[in-house]
Amino acid sequence: MTVALMWEARAAQGRGGELLEWAGARTAELSPKPSRSELLRAPQDRVLVLTWWEAGYDDRLPELPEPDAGLITRAVHRWRFESLGPAGG
């Protein structure tokens, strides 16, 4: 089974680049490594990290931590999904 973890945060005013860099560095440090990862950004300095794992839905998986409070405007949002494969197939 493939499990996808989503991690999303909104940076404090003017700190979007710093949050993006922080999230990329933390993703590179995950151990074990995910089978795939992707870093995304959106308006209002939002940063999203997706990681994919070959694991059971309830397995314990490494997740990105919460950044320092001064770097973000609110608590990080986290979601876990079971991958059902490519859409439209």
N, C-alpha and C. Protein backbone atom coordinates (compact mmCIF):
# COMPACT_ATOMS: atom_id res chain seq x y z
N MET A 1 0.85 -1.16 0.00
CA MET A 1 0.00 0.00 0.00
C MET A 1 0.90 1.23 0.00
N THR A 2 0.44 2.28 -0.67
CA THR A 2 1.15 3.56 -0.66
C THR A 2 0.36 4.55 0.17
N VAL A 3 1.04 5.18 1.10
CA VAL A 3 0.45 6.19 1.97
C VAL A 3 1.10 7.53 1.64
N ALA A 4 0.28 8.55 1.51
CA ALA A 4 0.77 9.91 1.27
C ALA A 4 0.54 10.75 2.52
N LEU A 5 1.58 11.44 2.95
CA LEU A 5 1.47 12.37 4.06
C LEU A 5 1.54 13.79 3.51
N MET A 6 0.66 14.65 3.99
CA MET A 6 0.66 16.05 3.60
C MET A 6 0.98 16.89 4.83
N TRP A 7 1.83 17.87 4.64
CA TRP A 7 2.22 18.81 5.69
C TRP A 7 2.08 20.20 5.09
N GLU A 8 1.29 21.08 5.73
CA GLU A 8 1.06 22.41 5.16
C GLU A 8 1.17 23.47 6.24
N ALA A 9 1.88 24.55 5.92
CA ALA A 9 2.05 25.65 6.87
C ALA A 9 2.01 26.98 6.13
N ARG A 10 1.67 28.02 6.87
CA ARG A 10 1.68 29.38 6.32
C ARG A 10 2.74 30.18 7.07
N ALA A 11 3.64 30.78 6.31
CA ALA A 11 4.75 31.51 6.90
C ALA A 11 4.30 32.83 7.50
N ALA A 12 5.05 33.28 8.47
CA ALA A 12 4.87 34.62 9.01
C ALA A 12 5.17 35.62 7.89
N GLN A 13 4.61 36.80 8.00
CA GLN A 13 4.76 37.84 6.98
C GLN A 13 6.22 38.01 6.54
N GLY A 14 6.45 37.88 5.23
CA GLY A 14 7.78 38.07 4.67
C GLY A 14 8.75 36.93 4.86
N ARG A 15 8.30 35.80 5.39
CA ARG A 15 9.22 34.70 5.69
C ARG A 15 8.93 33.45 4.85
N GLY A 16 8.20 33.62 3.73
CA GLY A 16 7.85 32.48 2.89
C GLY A 16 9.05 31.74 2.36
N GLY A 17 10.05 32.47 1.88
CA GLY A 17 11.26 31.83 1.37
C GLY A 17 11.99 31.05 2.44
N GLU A 18 12.02 31.59 3.62
CA GLU A 18 12.68 30.91 4.74
C GLU A 18 11.94 29.63 5.13
N LEU A 19 10.60 29.70 5.14
CA LEU A 19 9.82 28.49 5.45
C LEU A 19 10.01 27.43 4.37
N LEU A 20 10.03 27.84 3.12
CA LEU A 20 10.24 26.91 2.01
C LEU A 20 11.59 26.22 2.16
N GLU A 21 12.62 26.98 2.45
CA GLU A 21 13.96 26.42 2.64
C GLU A 21 13.99 25.48 3.85
N TRP A 22 13.35 25.89 4.95
CA TRP A 22 13.30 25.07 6.16
C TRP A 22 12.62 23.73 5.86
N ALA A 23 11.47 23.77 5.17
CA ALA A 23 10.73 22.55 4.87
C ALA A 23 11.52 21.63 3.95
N GLY A 24 12.20 22.19 2.96
CA GLY A 24 13.03 21.38 2.06
C GLY A 24 14.16 20.69 2.81
N ALA A 25 14.79 21.41 3.71
CA ALA A 25 15.90 20.83 4.49
C ALA A 25 15.39 19.72 5.42
N ARG A 26 14.25 19.94 6.08
CA ARG A 26 13.69 18.91 6.97
C ARG A 26 13.27 17.68 6.18
N THR A 27 12.73 17.87 4.98
CA THR A 27 12.33 16.73 4.15
C THR A 27 13.56 15.90 3.78
N ALA A 28 14.66 16.56 3.45
CA ALA A 28 15.90 15.85 3.09
C ALA A 28 16.45 15.05 4.27
N GLU A 29 16.12 15.45 5.49
CA GLU A 29 16.63 14.77 6.68
C GLU A 29 15.77 13.59 7.14
N LEU A 30 14.61 13.38 6.53
CA LEU A 30 13.74 12.28 6.96
C LEU A 30 14.47 10.95 6.87
N SER A 31 14.29 10.13 7.89
CA SER A 31 14.91 8.81 7.91
C SER A 31 13.93 7.83 8.53
N PRO A 32 13.59 6.78 7.79
CA PRO A 32 14.05 6.48 6.44
C PRO A 32 13.50 7.49 5.43
N LYS A 33 14.00 7.42 4.23
CA LYS A 33 13.58 8.32 3.17
C LYS A 33 12.24 7.86 2.58
N PRO A 34 11.37 8.81 2.23
CA PRO A 34 10.13 8.43 1.55
C PRO A 34 10.45 7.93 0.14
N SER A 35 9.52 7.18 -0.46
CA SER A 35 9.74 6.72 -1.83
C SER A 35 9.66 7.89 -2.81
N ARG A 36 8.98 8.96 -2.41
CA ARG A 36 8.87 10.16 -3.25
C ARG A 36 8.51 11.33 -2.33
N SER A 37 8.95 12.52 -2.70
CA SER A 37 8.55 13.71 -1.97
C SER A 37 8.44 14.88 -2.94
N GLU A 38 7.61 15.84 -2.58
CA GLU A 38 7.43 17.02 -3.42
C GLU A 38 7.19 18.23 -2.51
N LEU A 39 7.78 19.35 -2.91
CA LEU A 39 7.66 20.60 -2.17
C LEU A 39 6.91 21.58 -3.06
N LEU A 40 5.84 22.20 -2.51
CA LEU A 40 5.01 23.13 -3.29
C LEU A 40 4.83 24.42 -2.50
N ARG A 41 4.53 25.51 -3.24
CA ARG A 41 4.22 26.77 -2.58
C ARG A 41 2.97 27.37 -3.22
N ALA A 42 2.34 28.28 -2.48
CA ALA A 42 1.12 28.92 -2.93
C ALA A 42 1.13 30.36 -2.43
N PRO A 43 0.21 31.18 -2.95
CA PRO A 43 0.12 32.56 -2.46
C PRO A 43 -0.06 32.60 -0.94
N GLN A 44 0.22 33.76 -0.39
CA GLN A 44 0.14 34.00 1.06
C GLN A 44 1.20 33.20 1.81
N ASP A 45 2.33 32.93 1.13
CA ASP A 45 3.47 32.25 1.75
C ASP A 45 3.11 30.90 2.37
N ARG A 46 2.26 30.15 1.67
CA ARG A 46 1.92 28.80 2.12
C ARG A 46 2.89 27.79 1.50
N VAL A 47 3.27 26.80 2.28
CA VAL A 47 4.19 25.76 1.86
C VAL A 47 3.53 24.41 2.12
N LEU A 48 3.61 23.53 1.13
CA LEU A 48 3.04 22.19 1.23
C LEU A 48 4.12 21.17 0.92
N VAL A 49 4.23 20.15 1.74
CA VAL A 49 5.15 19.04 1.51
C VAL A 49 4.33 17.77 1.41
N LEU A 50 4.52 17.02 0.33
CA LEU A 50 3.89 15.72 0.14
C LEU A 50 4.98 14.66 0.18
N THR A 51 4.76 13.61 0.95
CA THR A 51 5.69 12.48 0.94
C THR A 51 4.88 11.20 0.73
N TRP A 52 5.44 10.28 -0.02
CA TRP A 52 4.80 8.99 -0.30
C TRP A 52 5.64 7.89 0.31
N TRP A 53 4.96 6.91 0.90
CA TRP A 53 5.62 5.83 1.63
C TRP A 53 4.99 4.49 1.25
N GLU A 54 5.79 3.48 1.12
CA GLU A 54 5.30 2.12 0.95
C GLU A 54 5.13 1.57 2.36
N ALA A 55 3.89 1.67 2.86
CA ALA A 55 3.62 1.32 4.26
C ALA A 55 2.14 1.10 4.44
N GLY A 56 1.78 0.54 5.58
CA GLY A 56 0.38 0.42 5.94
C GLY A 56 -0.16 1.77 6.39
N TYR A 57 -1.46 1.94 6.28
CA TYR A 57 -2.08 3.23 6.61
C TYR A 57 -1.77 3.69 8.03
N ASP A 58 -1.79 2.76 8.97
CA ASP A 58 -1.57 3.12 10.37
C ASP A 58 -0.13 2.97 10.83
N ASP A 59 0.80 2.65 9.91
CA ASP A 59 2.20 2.51 10.29
C ASP A 59 2.76 3.83 10.80
N ARG A 60 3.70 3.72 11.69
CA ARG A 60 4.39 4.91 12.19
C ARG A 60 5.39 5.36 11.11
N LEU A 61 5.28 6.61 10.69
CA LEU A 61 6.13 7.16 9.64
C LEU A 61 6.76 8.46 10.13
N PRO A 62 7.98 8.76 9.66
CA PRO A 62 8.59 10.03 10.06
C PRO A 62 7.85 11.20 9.42
N GLU A 63 7.60 12.23 10.19
CA GLU A 63 6.90 13.41 9.71
C GLU A 63 7.73 14.65 9.98
N LEU A 64 7.46 15.68 9.21
CA LEU A 64 8.13 16.95 9.45
C LEU A 64 7.67 17.52 10.79
N PRO A 65 8.58 18.15 11.51
CA PRO A 65 8.21 18.74 12.80
C PRO A 65 7.48 20.07 12.61
N GLU A 66 7.08 20.63 13.69
CA GLU A 66 6.48 21.97 13.72
C GLU A 66 7.64 22.98 13.70
N PRO A 67 7.62 23.96 12.80
CA PRO A 67 8.68 24.99 12.81
C PRO A 67 8.59 25.86 14.06
N ASP A 68 9.63 26.66 14.30
CA ASP A 68 9.57 27.63 15.39
C ASP A 68 8.36 28.53 15.20
N ALA A 69 7.73 28.90 16.28
CA ALA A 69 6.50 29.69 16.24
C ALA A 69 6.67 31.00 15.47
N GLY A 70 7.83 31.61 15.49
CA GLY A 70 8.06 32.87 14.79
C GLY A 70 8.10 32.73 13.28
N LEU A 71 8.23 31.52 12.78
CA LEU A 71 8.33 31.29 11.34
C LEU A 71 6.96 31.08 10.69
N ILE A 72 5.95 30.75 11.49
CA ILE A 72 4.63 30.43 10.94
C ILE A 72 3.54 31.28 11.60
N THR A 73 2.38 31.36 10.94
CA THR A 73 1.27 32.17 11.47
C THR A 73 0.24 31.34 12.24
N ARG A 74 0.30 30.02 12.10
CA ARG A 74 -0.65 29.14 12.76
C ARG A 74 -0.03 27.76 12.85
N ALA A 75 -0.69 26.87 13.56
CA ALA A 75 -0.18 25.49 13.67
C ALA A 75 -0.17 24.83 12.30
N VAL A 76 0.75 23.93 12.12
CA VAL A 76 0.87 23.15 10.88
C VAL A 76 -0.37 22.26 10.72
N HIS A 77 -0.83 22.09 9.50
CA HIS A 77 -1.91 21.14 9.19
C HIS A 77 -1.27 19.88 8.63
N ARG A 78 -1.77 18.73 9.07
CA ARG A 78 -1.24 17.44 8.60
C ARG A 78 -2.42 16.54 8.22
N TRP A 79 -2.22 15.79 7.11
CA TRP A 79 -3.22 14.82 6.68
C TRP A 79 -2.51 13.56 6.20
N ARG A 80 -3.21 12.45 6.27
CA ARG A 80 -2.69 11.16 5.80
C ARG A 80 -3.73 10.57 4.86
N PHE A 81 -3.26 10.07 3.71
CA PHE A 81 -4.14 9.50 2.70
C PHE A 81 -3.60 8.17 2.21
N GLU A 82 -4.49 7.30 1.79
CA GLU A 82 -4.11 6.08 1.09
C GLU A 82 -4.16 6.39 -0.40
N SER A 83 -3.08 6.11 -1.12
CA SER A 83 -3.06 6.34 -2.57
C SER A 83 -3.87 5.27 -3.28
N LEU A 84 -4.72 5.70 -4.20
CA LEU A 84 -5.53 4.79 -4.99
C LEU A 84 -5.03 4.69 -6.43
N GLY A 85 -3.88 5.31 -6.71
CA GLY A 85 -3.30 5.24 -8.05
C GLY A 85 -3.65 6.47 -8.88
N PRO A 86 -3.19 6.47 -10.12
CA PRO A 86 -3.45 7.61 -11.01
C PRO A 86 -4.95 7.83 -11.26
N ALA A 87 -5.34 9.09 -11.39
CA ALA A 87 -6.72 9.42 -11.68
C ALA A 87 -7.04 9.14 -13.15
N GLY A 88 -8.31 8.87 -13.41
CA GLY A 88 -8.74 8.68 -14.79
C GLY A 88 -8.44 7.32 -15.37
N GLY A 89 -8.01 6.38 -14.56
CA GLY A 89 -7.65 5.08 -15.09
C GLY A 89 -8.63 4.07 -14.71
